[in-house]
Protein backbone atom coordinates (compact mmCIF):
# COMPACT_ATOMS: atom_id res chain seq x y z
CA MET A 1 75.74 124.48 104.00
CA SER A 2 72.07 123.65 104.44
CA ILE A 3 70.55 121.60 107.21
CA PHE A 4 68.91 119.46 104.52
CA LYS A 5 72.05 118.76 102.54
CA ARG A 6 73.10 116.08 105.04
CA PRO A 7 72.25 112.37 105.23
CA ARG A 8 68.66 111.65 106.12
CA PHE A 9 67.78 110.76 109.72
CA SER A 10 64.71 110.79 111.93
CA GLN A 11 63.97 114.07 113.66
CA GLY A 12 63.18 114.17 117.36
CA PHE A 13 60.93 116.50 119.24
CA ALA A 14 63.88 118.73 120.21
CA GLY A 15 64.76 119.11 116.54
CA GLN A 16 61.22 120.12 115.65
CA LEU A 17 61.21 122.80 118.36
CA TYR A 18 64.51 124.03 117.03
CA PHE A 19 63.01 124.35 113.54
CA VAL A 20 60.19 126.44 114.95
CA PHE A 21 62.70 128.68 116.71
CA LEU A 22 64.79 129.14 113.55
CA SER A 23 61.70 129.91 111.50
CA LEU A 24 60.54 132.62 113.91
CA LEU A 25 64.05 134.06 114.19
CA GLY A 26 64.57 134.12 110.41
CA CYS A 27 61.14 135.60 109.66
CA SER A 28 61.41 138.38 112.26
CA THR A 29 64.99 139.17 111.18
CA PHE A 30 63.94 139.39 107.53
CA LEU A 31 61.05 141.76 108.27
CA LEU A 32 63.17 143.91 110.58
CA VAL A 33 66.07 144.34 108.13
CA HIS A 34 64.37 144.21 104.74
CA GLN A 35 61.52 146.63 105.59
CA GLY A 36 59.76 146.10 102.27
CA GLU A 37 62.62 147.44 100.13
CA ILE A 38 61.55 145.13 97.34
CA PHE A 39 58.62 147.42 96.58
CA HIS A 40 60.90 150.38 95.82
CA TYR A 41 63.33 148.80 93.31
CA THR A 42 63.96 150.53 90.02
CA PRO A 43 63.90 148.52 86.78
CA SER A 44 67.71 148.38 86.73
CA GLN A 45 67.73 147.02 90.27
CA TRP A 46 65.18 144.39 89.27
CA VAL A 47 67.50 143.34 86.46
CA TRP A 48 70.22 142.65 89.00
CA VAL A 49 67.83 140.87 91.35
CA TYR A 50 66.92 138.52 88.51
CA ALA A 51 70.56 138.18 87.46
CA MET A 52 71.67 137.29 90.99
CA LEU A 53 68.67 134.98 91.35
CA GLY A 54 69.69 133.12 88.19
CA ALA A 55 73.30 132.88 89.32
CA ALA A 56 72.32 131.51 92.75
CA LEU A 57 69.93 128.95 91.24
CA ILE A 58 72.55 127.75 88.75
CA LEU A 59 75.20 127.39 91.48
CA ASN A 60 72.71 125.73 93.80
CA TYR A 61 71.93 123.24 91.03
CA PHE A 62 75.62 122.38 90.60
CA THR A 63 76.14 121.10 94.13
CA PHE A 64 79.17 118.94 94.85
CA GLN A 65 80.74 116.90 97.62
CA LEU A 66 84.16 117.09 99.18
CA PRO A 67 86.13 114.24 100.76
CA PRO A 68 86.37 112.76 103.27
CA GLU A 69 82.84 113.14 104.67
CA GLY A 70 81.03 113.98 101.46
CA ASN A 71 78.90 116.87 102.72
CA LEU A 72 76.86 118.57 99.97
CA GLN A 73 78.20 122.02 99.16
CA SER A 74 77.49 124.76 96.61
CA MET A 75 78.95 128.11 95.60
CA ASP A 76 75.66 130.03 95.98
CA SER A 77 76.86 131.71 99.19
CA SER A 78 79.37 133.70 97.12
CA VAL A 79 76.38 135.34 95.37
CA TYR A 80 74.76 136.38 98.67
CA LEU A 81 78.07 137.75 100.02
CA ALA A 82 78.65 139.68 96.79
CA CYS A 83 75.14 141.17 97.17
CA ILE A 84 76.08 142.30 100.70
CA PHE A 85 79.37 143.82 99.56
CA ILE A 86 77.85 145.69 96.57
CA TYR A 87 74.18 146.35 97.37
CA GLY A 88 73.72 145.73 101.11
CA ALA A 89 71.81 143.27 103.27
CA PRO A 90 68.21 144.13 102.11
CA PHE A 91 69.15 143.38 98.50
CA ALA A 92 70.76 140.06 99.50
CA LEU A 93 67.61 139.18 101.45
CA SER A 94 65.50 139.86 98.36
CA VAL A 95 67.63 137.45 96.35
CA ILE A 96 67.48 134.66 98.96
CA LEU A 97 63.69 135.15 99.20
CA PHE A 98 63.23 134.55 95.47
CA VAL A 99 65.75 131.69 95.48
CA SER A 100 63.82 129.95 98.28
CA LEU A 101 60.50 130.42 96.49
CA ALA A 102 61.94 129.10 93.24
CA MET A 103 63.44 126.05 94.99
CA ALA A 104 60.14 125.33 96.75
CA LEU A 105 58.31 125.36 93.42
CA TYR A 106 61.01 123.32 91.65
CA ASP A 107 61.70 120.65 94.28
CA ARG A 108 58.26 119.74 95.61
CA LYS A 109 59.47 116.44 97.05
CA ILE A 110 60.87 118.40 99.98
CA PRO A 111 58.11 119.73 102.27
CA PHE A 112 57.56 123.49 102.02
CA TRP A 113 58.34 124.03 105.72
CA LYS A 114 61.85 122.64 105.16
CA HIS A 115 62.46 125.22 102.45
CA PHE A 116 61.20 127.84 104.87
CA VAL A 117 63.61 126.76 107.60
CA ASN A 118 66.46 126.79 105.07
CA PHE A 119 65.47 130.32 104.05
CA SER A 120 65.51 131.34 107.74
CA VAL A 121 69.02 129.98 108.23
CA TYR A 122 70.35 131.91 105.23
CA THR A 123 68.54 135.05 106.42
CA VAL A 124 70.28 134.93 109.81
CA MET A 125 73.64 134.30 108.12
CA ILE A 126 73.20 137.22 105.69
CA VAL A 127 72.06 139.68 108.36
CA GLY A 128 74.78 138.63 110.80
CA SER A 129 77.46 138.88 108.13
CA SER A 130 76.20 142.28 106.95
CA PHE A 131 76.15 143.63 110.51
CA ILE A 132 79.78 142.65 111.13
CA PHE A 133 80.75 143.99 107.70
CA LYS A 134 79.46 147.42 108.66
CA MET A 135 80.91 147.22 112.18
CA ALA A 136 84.34 146.50 110.66
CA GLY A 137 84.13 149.64 108.52
CA GLY A 138 82.84 148.12 105.32
CA GLN A 139 80.57 150.07 102.95
CA ALA A 140 78.40 148.65 100.19
CA GLY A 141 79.61 149.52 96.71
CA PRO A 142 82.80 149.03 94.70
CA ILE A 143 85.49 146.79 96.19
CA HIS A 144 88.20 148.71 98.04
CA ASN A 145 91.51 147.27 99.16
CA ASP A 146 91.35 149.05 102.50
CA GLN A 147 88.12 147.16 103.35
CA PHE A 148 89.72 143.72 103.05
CA GLY A 149 89.49 143.17 106.82
CA ALA A 150 85.76 143.88 106.71
CA TYR A 151 85.31 141.37 103.89
CA VAL A 152 87.16 138.69 105.86
CA ALA A 153 85.18 139.45 109.03
CA ALA A 154 81.89 139.19 107.11
CA LEU A 155 82.85 135.80 105.70
CA VAL A 156 84.02 134.51 109.10
CA VAL A 157 80.71 135.45 110.74
CA TYR A 158 78.77 133.98 107.81
CA PHE A 159 80.74 130.77 108.23
CA VAL A 160 80.47 130.64 112.04
CA ILE A 161 76.71 131.25 112.06
CA ASN A 162 76.17 128.51 109.48
CA VAL A 163 78.28 125.97 111.37
CA PHE A 164 76.68 126.80 114.71
CA LEU A 165 73.05 126.69 113.49
CA VAL A 166 73.49 123.38 111.68
CA GLY A 167 75.82 121.88 114.30
CA PHE A 168 73.48 122.72 117.17
CA TYR A 169 70.67 120.89 115.41
CA TYR A 170 72.80 117.74 115.24
CA TYR A 171 73.72 118.19 118.86
CA LEU A 172 70.02 118.20 119.85
CA LEU A 173 69.46 114.97 117.96
CA TYR A 174 72.53 112.96 118.91
CA LYS A 175 73.30 114.42 122.38
CA GLY A 176 77.02 114.13 121.80
CA SER A 177 79.68 116.74 122.45
CA LEU A 178 78.69 120.10 120.96
CA TYR A 179 82.37 121.01 120.67
CA ASP A 180 83.17 117.83 118.70
CA ILE A 181 80.20 118.32 116.36
CA LEU A 182 81.10 121.95 115.61
CA LYS A 183 84.75 121.00 115.17
CA THR A 184 83.79 118.34 112.63
CA PHE A 185 81.58 120.74 110.66
CA MET A 186 84.29 123.41 110.59
CA LYS A 187 86.85 120.91 109.34
CA ASP A 188 84.48 119.65 106.62
CA THR A 189 83.46 123.07 105.29
CA LEU A 190 86.48 125.32 105.85
CA LEU A 191 87.95 124.78 102.37
CA VAL A 192 84.64 125.57 100.68
CA TYR A 193 84.19 128.79 102.65
CA LEU A 194 87.72 129.95 101.87
CA SER A 195 86.88 129.42 98.22
CA THR A 196 83.59 131.26 98.76
CA LEU A 197 85.44 134.32 100.16
CA ILE A 198 87.67 134.55 97.13
CA LEU A 199 84.83 133.97 94.69
CA SER A 200 82.54 136.51 96.36
CA LEU A 201 85.24 139.18 96.01
CA VAL A 202 85.93 138.10 92.42
CA LEU A 203 82.22 138.29 91.63
CA SER A 204 81.94 141.73 93.22
CA ILE A 205 84.84 143.06 91.14
CA LEU A 206 83.49 141.51 87.93
CA ILE A 207 80.01 142.96 88.49
CA VAL A 208 81.30 146.45 89.33
CA HIS A 209 83.62 146.62 86.33
CA ASN A 210 82.00 144.35 83.75
CA GLY A 211 78.33 144.13 84.68
CA VAL A 212 76.32 141.22 83.33
CA PHE A 213 79.28 140.01 81.28
CA GLY A 214 81.35 139.75 84.44
CA LEU A 215 78.54 137.84 86.16
CA THR A 216 78.39 135.43 83.21
CA LEU A 217 82.15 134.82 83.42
CA PHE A 218 81.81 134.17 87.14
CA ILE A 219 79.00 131.65 86.64
CA GLY A 220 81.07 129.80 84.04
CA LEU A 221 84.11 129.73 86.33
CA SER A 222 82.05 128.56 89.33
CA VAL A 223 80.28 125.83 87.35
CA MET A 224 83.63 124.49 86.14
CA LEU A 225 85.00 124.56 89.70
CA SER A 226 81.90 122.80 91.00
CA TYR A 227 82.24 120.17 88.27
CA SER A 228 85.94 119.71 89.10
CA PHE A 229 85.11 119.26 92.80
CA LYS A 230 82.45 116.75 91.81
CA GLN A 231 84.91 114.75 89.71
CA LEU A 232 87.45 114.90 92.52
CA PHE A 233 84.94 113.44 94.94
CA THR A 234 83.92 110.77 92.43
CA MET A 235 87.54 109.65 92.06
CA TYR A 236 88.01 109.76 95.82
CA LYS A 237 84.94 107.61 96.34
CA GLN A 238 86.18 105.08 93.80
CA VAL A 239 89.53 104.77 95.57
CA GLN A 240 87.81 104.67 98.95
CA GLU A 241 85.40 101.99 97.76
CA LYS A 242 88.30 99.75 96.78
CA ALA A 243 89.97 100.36 100.13
CA ILE A 244 86.96 99.64 102.34
CA LYS A 245 84.84 97.26 100.25
CA ASP A 246 85.15 93.53 99.74
CA GLN A 247 85.26 93.05 95.98
CA ARG A 248 83.58 89.64 95.97
CA THR A 249 80.50 90.51 98.03
CA GLY A 250 80.24 94.30 97.72
CA LEU A 251 80.07 94.60 101.52
CA TYR A 252 82.45 96.51 103.75
CA ASN A 253 85.67 94.61 104.42
CA HIS A 254 87.16 93.44 107.70
CA SER A 255 89.36 96.50 108.23
CA TYR A 256 86.49 98.94 107.78
CA PHE A 257 84.31 96.86 110.08
CA GLU A 258 86.90 96.98 112.86
CA ASN A 259 87.28 100.76 112.60
CA LEU A 260 83.51 101.26 112.54
CA LEU A 261 83.02 98.89 115.49
CA GLU A 262 85.54 100.83 117.55
CA ASP A 263 83.76 104.13 116.79
CA GLU A 264 80.32 102.70 117.56
CA ILE A 265 81.47 101.25 120.87
CA LYS A 266 82.77 104.69 121.87
CA LYS A 267 79.41 106.25 120.92
CA ALA A 268 77.46 103.60 122.81
CA LYS A 269 79.61 104.16 125.89
CA THR A 270 79.43 107.96 125.73
CA ASN A 271 75.73 108.25 124.92
CA GLU A 272 74.62 105.15 126.86
CA THR A 273 72.80 103.83 123.80
CA PRO A 274 72.34 100.16 122.85
CA LEU A 275 74.61 98.47 120.32
CA SER A 276 74.50 94.89 119.05
CA LEU A 277 76.75 92.82 116.82
CA ALA A 278 75.79 89.70 114.87
CA MET A 279 78.27 87.16 113.53
CA ILE A 280 76.82 85.16 110.62
CA ASP A 281 78.19 81.96 109.10
CA ILE A 282 76.77 80.18 106.02
CA ASP A 283 75.76 76.66 107.00
CA ASP A 284 77.55 73.81 105.18
CA PHE A 285 79.34 76.19 102.79
CA LYS A 286 82.27 73.77 102.41
CA LYS A 287 79.87 71.10 101.19
CA TYR A 288 78.59 73.50 98.51
CA ASN A 289 82.16 74.39 97.47
CA ASP A 290 83.18 70.72 97.26
CA GLN A 291 80.10 69.89 95.19
CA PHE A 292 80.12 72.76 92.68
CA GLY A 293 83.61 74.25 92.87
CA HIS A 294 85.02 77.52 94.18
CA LEU A 295 83.71 79.64 91.29
CA LYS A 296 80.13 78.71 92.12
CA GLY A 297 80.94 79.13 95.80
CA ASP A 298 82.11 82.68 95.12
CA MET A 299 78.82 83.35 93.34
CA LEU A 300 76.98 82.18 96.45
CA LEU A 301 79.07 84.52 98.60
CA GLY A 302 78.24 87.40 96.25
CA PHE A 303 74.55 86.50 96.33
CA LEU A 304 74.45 86.46 100.13
CA GLY A 305 76.52 89.65 100.29
CA ASN A 306 74.03 91.50 98.10
CA TYR A 307 71.14 90.08 100.14
CA LEU A 308 72.64 91.29 103.42
CA LYS A 309 73.51 94.67 101.89
CA VAL A 310 69.96 95.37 100.70
CA GLU A 311 68.36 94.21 103.95
CA SER A 312 70.87 96.11 106.11
CA GLU A 313 70.46 99.38 104.25
CA THR A 314 66.69 99.15 104.73
CA ALA A 315 67.14 98.59 108.47
CA GLU A 316 69.89 101.27 108.74
CA VAL A 317 72.50 98.79 110.01
CA VAL A 318 75.91 97.92 108.55
CA ALA A 319 76.81 94.56 107.00
CA SER A 320 80.44 93.54 106.43
CA ARG A 321 82.36 90.49 105.33
CA PHE A 322 84.40 89.21 108.24
CA GLY A 323 86.29 86.58 106.28
CA GLY A 324 85.62 83.33 104.39
CA GLU A 325 81.90 82.56 104.69
CA GLU A 326 81.51 84.69 107.84
CA PHE A 327 79.74 88.07 107.88
CA THR A 328 78.97 90.68 110.51
CA ILE A 329 76.05 93.02 110.98
CA LEU A 330 76.64 95.98 113.28
CA MET A 331 73.41 97.37 114.71
CA PRO A 332 73.65 100.76 116.51
CA GLY A 333 70.53 101.46 118.55
CA TYR A 334 69.54 97.77 118.71
CA ASP A 335 69.32 95.94 122.03
CA ASP A 336 69.75 92.15 122.04
CA HIS A 337 65.99 91.49 121.70
CA LYS A 338 65.56 93.79 118.71
CA ALA A 339 68.78 92.50 117.16
CA ARG A 340 67.70 88.86 117.50
CA SER A 341 64.32 89.63 115.91
CA PHE A 342 65.97 91.37 112.95
CA ILE A 343 68.57 88.64 112.35
CA ASN A 344 65.93 85.94 112.71
CA ARG A 345 63.79 87.66 110.06
CA LEU A 346 66.82 87.72 107.78
CA ARG A 347 67.39 84.02 108.39
CA LYS A 348 63.79 83.02 107.67
CA LYS A 349 63.63 85.17 104.54
CA LEU A 350 66.88 83.62 103.27
CA ASN A 351 65.44 80.15 103.86
CA ASP A 352 62.68 81.05 101.38
CA THR A 353 65.11 82.54 98.83
CA TYR A 354 66.22 80.15 96.09
CA PHE A 355 69.78 79.81 94.82
CA ASP A 356 71.01 77.26 92.33
CA GLY A 357 72.19 74.07 94.02
CA VAL A 358 70.70 74.59 97.48
CA GLU A 359 69.11 71.15 97.22
CA ILE A 360 72.37 69.59 98.44
CA PHE A 361 72.11 71.30 101.83
CA PRO A 362 70.70 69.17 104.67
CA SER A 363 67.82 71.61 105.12
CA GLY A 364 67.22 71.86 101.37
CA CYS A 365 67.59 75.64 101.40
CA LEU A 366 70.07 78.44 102.01
CA SER A 367 70.62 78.98 105.71
CA PHE A 368 73.00 80.57 108.16
CA SER A 369 73.75 80.36 111.85
CA ALA A 370 74.15 83.61 113.75
CA GLY A 371 75.41 84.73 117.12
CA VAL A 372 74.33 88.04 118.62
CA ALA A 373 76.11 89.95 121.39
CA SER A 374 75.20 93.34 122.83
CA TYR A 375 77.48 96.03 124.22
CA ARG A 376 77.87 96.02 128.00
CA ILE A 377 79.54 98.52 130.29
CA ASP A 378 82.32 96.04 131.08
CA ILE A 379 83.33 95.78 127.41
CA HIS A 380 86.34 98.01 126.89
CA ASP A 381 87.71 96.70 123.61
CA LYS A 382 86.18 95.84 120.25
CA SER A 383 87.74 92.36 120.35
CA GLN A 384 85.67 91.53 123.44
CA LEU A 385 82.38 92.17 121.65
CA VAL A 386 83.56 90.20 118.61
CA GLU A 387 84.56 87.31 120.87
CA LEU A 388 81.14 87.25 122.56
CA ALA A 389 79.34 87.29 119.20
CA ASP A 390 81.63 84.57 117.89
CA GLN A 391 80.96 82.47 121.00
CA ALA A 392 77.21 82.95 120.48
CA LEU A 393 77.67 81.81 116.85
CA TYR A 394 79.41 78.68 118.14
CA TYR A 395 76.44 77.95 120.41
CA ALA A 396 74.04 78.49 117.48
CA LYS A 397 75.89 75.92 115.36
CA LYS A 398 76.07 73.41 118.21
CA GLN A 399 72.28 73.61 118.53
CA GLY A 400 71.77 72.28 115.01
CA LYS A 401 72.57 75.27 112.73
CA ASN A 402 70.07 77.52 110.94
CA ASN A 403 69.24 79.44 114.10
CA VAL A 404 70.12 82.59 116.02
CA HIS A 405 71.60 82.55 119.52
CA VAL A 406 72.01 85.59 121.76
CA TYR A 407 75.00 85.38 124.06
CA GLY A 408 73.87 84.84 127.65
CA SER A 409 70.22 84.27 126.73
CA GLY A 410 70.38 80.55 127.45
CA ALA A 411 72.97 80.15 130.16
CA GLU A 412 71.99 76.53 130.89
CA LYS A 413 72.15 75.56 127.22
CA GLU A 414 75.48 77.37 126.79
CA SER A 415 76.83 75.58 129.86
CA GLU A 416 75.79 72.19 128.47
CA ILE A 417 77.46 72.92 125.14
CA ASP A 418 80.66 74.12 126.82
CA PHE A 419 80.65 71.07 129.08
CA ALA A 420 80.25 68.67 126.15
CA GLU A 421 83.06 70.41 124.30
CA ASP A 422 85.35 70.24 127.35
CA VAL A 423 84.61 66.51 127.70
CA ARG A 424 85.57 65.97 124.07
CA ASP A 425 88.80 67.95 124.53
CA ILE A 426 89.81 65.88 127.55
CA GLU A 427 88.86 62.62 125.86
CA GLN A 428 91.11 63.52 122.95
CA GLN A 429 94.02 63.83 125.37
CA LEU A 430 93.07 60.64 127.20
CA LYS A 431 93.10 58.70 123.92
CA LEU A 432 96.88 58.81 124.17
CA PHE A 433 96.43 56.12 126.80
CA LEU A 434 95.02 53.79 124.15
CA TYR A 435 98.54 52.97 122.97
CA LYS A 436 100.22 53.28 126.37
CA ASP A 437 97.74 51.98 128.97
CA VAL A 438 94.21 51.19 127.86
CA ASP A 439 93.27 50.28 131.45
CA THR A 440 93.85 53.89 132.59
CA PHE A 441 91.69 55.15 129.73
CA LYS A 442 88.84 52.82 130.70
CA HIS A 443 89.28 53.66 134.39
CA SER A 444 89.01 57.40 133.69
CA LYS A 445 85.80 56.88 131.71
CA ARG A 446 84.24 54.82 134.52
CA VAL A 447 85.20 57.34 137.20
CA PHE A 448 83.69 60.04 134.96
CA ARG A 449 80.36 58.15 134.82
CA TYR A 450 80.37 57.70 138.58
CA ALA A 451 81.00 61.43 139.01
CA MET A 452 78.09 62.27 136.70
CA ASP A 453 75.76 60.27 138.95
CA ILE A 454 77.20 61.54 142.23
CA SER A 455 76.92 65.17 141.09
CA GLU A 456 73.15 64.64 140.94
CA VAL A 457 73.11 62.91 144.32
CA LEU A 458 74.99 65.83 145.87
CA GLY A 459 72.79 68.41 144.09
CA LEU A 460 75.76 70.32 142.70
CA ASP A 461 75.25 73.57 140.82
CA SER A 462 76.39 73.84 137.20
CA VAL A 463 79.88 75.15 138.01
CA GLU A 464 80.57 72.57 140.73
CA ARG A 465 79.18 69.82 138.51
CA ARG A 466 81.39 70.83 135.59
CA ASN A 467 84.57 70.96 137.64
CA PHE A 468 83.86 67.76 139.56
CA VAL A 469 82.92 65.68 136.51
CA LEU A 470 85.72 66.99 134.32
CA GLY A 471 88.14 66.62 137.21
CA ALA A 472 87.10 62.97 137.53
CA LEU A 473 87.69 62.45 133.81
CA ILE A 474 91.13 64.06 133.76
CA HIS A 475 92.39 63.09 137.23
CA ASP A 476 94.95 60.53 135.99
CA ILE A 477 96.26 62.56 133.00
CA GLY A 478 99.67 62.77 134.68
CA LYS A 479 100.18 59.04 134.14
CA LEU A 480 101.06 59.85 130.55
CA GLU A 481 104.48 60.79 131.92
CA ILE A 482 105.01 57.45 133.67
CA PRO A 483 107.29 55.11 131.67
CA TRP A 484 105.45 52.38 129.76
CA GLY A 485 107.31 49.62 131.57
CA ILE A 486 106.24 50.81 135.01
CA LEU A 487 102.67 51.58 133.98
CA ASN A 488 102.14 48.08 132.56
CA LYS A 489 104.28 46.07 135.02
CA ARG A 490 102.53 42.88 136.15
CA ASP A 491 104.74 42.28 139.17
CA LYS A 492 104.67 44.29 142.37
CA LEU A 493 106.26 47.73 141.98
CA THR A 494 109.57 48.48 143.69
CA ALA A 495 109.83 51.39 146.13
CA GLY A 496 111.48 53.54 143.46
CA GLU A 497 108.89 52.65 140.87
CA TRP A 498 106.11 53.47 143.31
CA GLU A 499 107.65 56.89 143.92
CA THR A 500 107.60 57.45 140.16
CA VAL A 501 103.91 56.49 139.99
CA LYS A 502 103.09 58.86 142.86
CA ARG A 503 104.55 61.76 140.87
CA HIS A 504 101.74 61.53 138.34
CA VAL A 505 99.64 63.97 140.39
CA SER A 506 102.30 66.68 140.04
CA TRP A 507 102.81 65.96 136.35
CA GLY A 508 99.07 66.04 135.78
CA LYS A 509 98.83 69.40 137.55
CA ARG A 510 101.40 70.88 135.17
CA ILE A 511 99.57 69.51 132.13
CA ALA A 512 96.26 71.02 133.26
CA GLU A 513 97.84 74.39 134.02
CA THR A 514 98.90 74.78 130.40
CA ASN A 515 95.23 75.09 129.37
CA GLU A 516 93.32 78.08 130.77
CA LYS A 517 90.02 76.18 130.63
CA PHE A 518 91.29 73.37 132.87
CA LYS A 519 93.12 75.29 135.59
CA GLU A 520 90.09 74.91 137.88
CA LEU A 521 90.47 71.14 137.64
CA VAL A 522 93.94 71.12 139.20
CA PRO A 523 92.75 70.26 142.76
CA TYR A 524 91.08 67.05 141.52
CA ILE A 525 94.27 66.02 139.73
CA GLU A 526 96.65 66.96 142.52
CA LEU A 527 94.68 65.89 145.60
CA HIS A 528 92.82 62.71 144.66
CA HIS A 529 95.40 60.62 146.53
CA GLU A 530 95.25 62.62 149.77
CA ARG A 531 93.84 60.65 152.75
CA TYR A 532 91.23 61.75 155.28
CA ASP A 533 93.70 61.00 158.10
CA GLY A 534 96.56 62.94 156.49
CA GLY A 535 98.54 59.93 155.32
CA GLY A 536 98.19 60.56 151.61
CA TYR A 537 100.29 62.37 149.02
CA PRO A 538 101.61 64.77 147.73
CA HIS A 539 100.98 67.24 150.63
CA GLY A 540 99.65 65.11 153.50
CA PHE A 541 96.46 67.18 153.84
CA LYS A 542 93.76 65.81 156.09
CA GLY A 543 90.07 66.28 156.89
CA SER A 544 88.59 69.57 155.72
CA GLN A 545 91.97 70.66 154.35
CA ILE A 546 91.02 68.52 151.39
CA PRO A 547 88.12 70.01 149.36
CA LYS A 548 84.92 68.01 149.80
CA LEU A 549 84.58 67.03 146.14
CA CYS A 550 88.24 65.94 146.06
CA ARG A 551 87.46 63.67 149.05
CA MET A 552 84.52 62.30 147.07
CA LEU A 553 86.73 61.69 144.03
CA THR A 554 89.20 59.76 146.20
CA ILE A 555 86.39 57.37 147.19
CA ILE A 556 85.18 56.91 143.60
CA ASP A 557 88.72 56.46 142.25
CA SER A 558 89.64 53.93 144.91
CA PHE A 559 86.45 51.92 144.59
CA ASP A 560 86.81 51.60 140.82
CA ALA A 561 90.50 50.72 141.18
CA MET A 562 89.64 48.02 143.74
CA THR A 563 86.87 46.46 141.68
CA THR A 564 88.57 46.37 138.28
CA GLU A 565 91.61 44.41 137.17
CA ARG A 566 94.96 46.08 137.89
CA PRO A 567 98.40 44.71 137.01
CA TYR A 568 99.84 45.10 140.52
CA GLN A 569 96.91 44.19 142.85
CA GLN A 570 94.17 41.61 143.40
CA THR A 571 90.74 42.54 142.02
CA LYS A 572 87.87 42.80 144.54
CA THR A 573 84.24 42.00 143.98
CA PHE A 574 81.48 44.59 144.30
CA GLU A 575 80.72 43.55 147.92
CA GLU A 576 84.42 43.29 148.81
CA GLY A 577 84.89 46.83 147.49
CA ILE A 578 82.11 48.14 149.71
CA GLU A 579 83.62 46.32 152.71
CA GLU A 580 86.99 47.94 151.96
CA LEU A 581 85.36 51.38 151.85
CA LEU A 582 83.77 50.75 155.24
CA ARG A 583 87.00 49.42 156.68
CA CYS A 584 88.92 52.52 155.57
CA SER A 585 86.14 54.96 156.50
CA GLY A 586 87.54 57.60 158.84
CA THR A 587 91.15 56.82 157.92
CA GLN A 588 91.59 56.89 154.16
CA PHE A 589 88.08 58.13 153.35
CA ASP A 590 85.59 60.71 154.63
CA PRO A 591 83.02 58.61 156.57
CA GLU A 592 80.01 60.74 155.62
CA LEU A 593 80.85 60.61 151.94
CA VAL A 594 81.56 56.87 152.14
CA GLU A 595 78.07 56.35 153.55
CA LEU A 596 76.56 58.48 150.79
CA PHE A 597 78.51 56.66 148.07
CA ILE A 598 77.60 53.18 149.36
CA ARG A 599 73.93 54.19 149.54
CA TYR A 600 74.17 55.32 145.93
CA LEU A 601 75.80 52.01 144.91
CA ARG A 602 73.10 49.96 146.65
CA LEU A 603 70.25 51.92 145.08
CA LYS A 604 71.81 51.72 141.63
CA ALA A 605 72.46 48.00 141.97
CA GLU A 606 68.90 47.37 143.11
CA ALA A 607 67.51 49.41 140.23
CA GLN A 608 69.51 47.45 137.69
CA GLN A 609 69.43 44.14 139.61
CA GLN A 610 73.13 43.82 138.90
CA PRO A 611 76.42 45.35 140.03
CA ALA A 612 76.83 49.07 139.42
CA ALA A 613 77.16 50.06 135.79
CA GLY A 614 80.64 49.76 134.42
CA LEU A 615 81.95 47.44 137.15
CA GLU A 616 84.18 44.60 136.05
CA THR A 617 84.23 41.83 138.64
CA SER A 618 86.69 38.98 138.73
């Protein structure tokens, strides 16, 4: 197996030094062992040099691949081993010298120095194998049964040297585990080298007993075997393609993506290298499907799949179809900045790429929204990275589509989007009040607006603001459990009915706890009827036992309840509401917060020259 019969990759400085070392080692080994024997060959020996040269070139031409990895292999090593067994190491070195020169002249696309390094690797393998062959009692010449152990030892050393020299080069480049790399190479090439052992012995026997005719038979047999291996790999690839490829787009499918993502996360963690994932969604794809039908929609998916495939292969990243109109691009070696730049270039280029029917899109062109997330040390599972990228995609769409958002890059913007979505979720639940108690729905909306203003007055940070405002919006959700007759009763409530109403804080707590996003809002639901003096419910907390923002919500809730029409109490005017706050300051309400809230009400009323926004006076 040659160093250059592997997939192409960039070579680092360590690899270049390694090439220099191999070249010096191979050149000095060749000179030391060969000792110019080529100048003393007889005509008959030259015939066999040319014959072996032809055989090696033919076998080298008929390279093949073996599943699962698809490493390029050839049977030419059986020729070099047969030369060792019959003629000795110097003769084998002469053959590999001419083979390397012929390959350099034939394949000029590969730089000459690469051919030279390849020659050096084979030289070290041949000399090492020959040395062990002699040490194990082997003698060049006809094949003898009692030398079988020497033949096996020669092949093993040949195999081990090849795996180590090539594997160590990959180790220098990728800095992974040397043991794992060598183990992988041995697993990939073991079958070929077992075949090489048998063929080298077969070739030796055929040459000794049948001469050139035997060599010709061997070449024919080896070519047919190489062709069979090639066909086997072709069929394997076809089956594999169907198993890992999405037939509609030609991209890798979801299952392959998940396996690859898991492997890449392990590599990123082990090697401490960057890794980014992009989730891509075609904008307004449903509109295109509805307009032109699913057949045309499938053609659009195939078009975008081919576009992503071509662009990804150029950038050495991996594109997959995640499902529906969603795609992923896995980018090993890309940090979030580099990943965003690449995905953004893809987006802009797609905008300028025409496809039939794109005129119906709002932007008048093909577009996608994309979310990018990068691997972090606290990510331990592939689903976490997918979730972050999917969340970033959500933020991208909420910002107007046709853009790229990197998770965590705009924390304030992400917070605003999350907040707006949470408000919508809560409002959807509150709409149940529209058929049961529209007054509670309106009250919750007014308290929410008050809380929005007060959060600015208090200078709350984003987390406190979110919880306080959402808590104000959802604080009465437990009233959904109160019977309709009690909730809408116009007369004064009985003691039993009042006890039922008071339970709404506990019911609301249970409702909020069923949703992970709203668990932090529980204190606002449960404690907004606690009193500053400890006379409230459900726990009788007082003073600082009640969180500050819950004490503030109690003031807002009470003021709005006093100044809007309720079925079981008299409505107060704006000024009467303020007087009631002052009267209950220090007992029902926190006096400092009452003062702050009244100051806010006065300023707002002066600014608008009317009662505070949303107030309904009698």
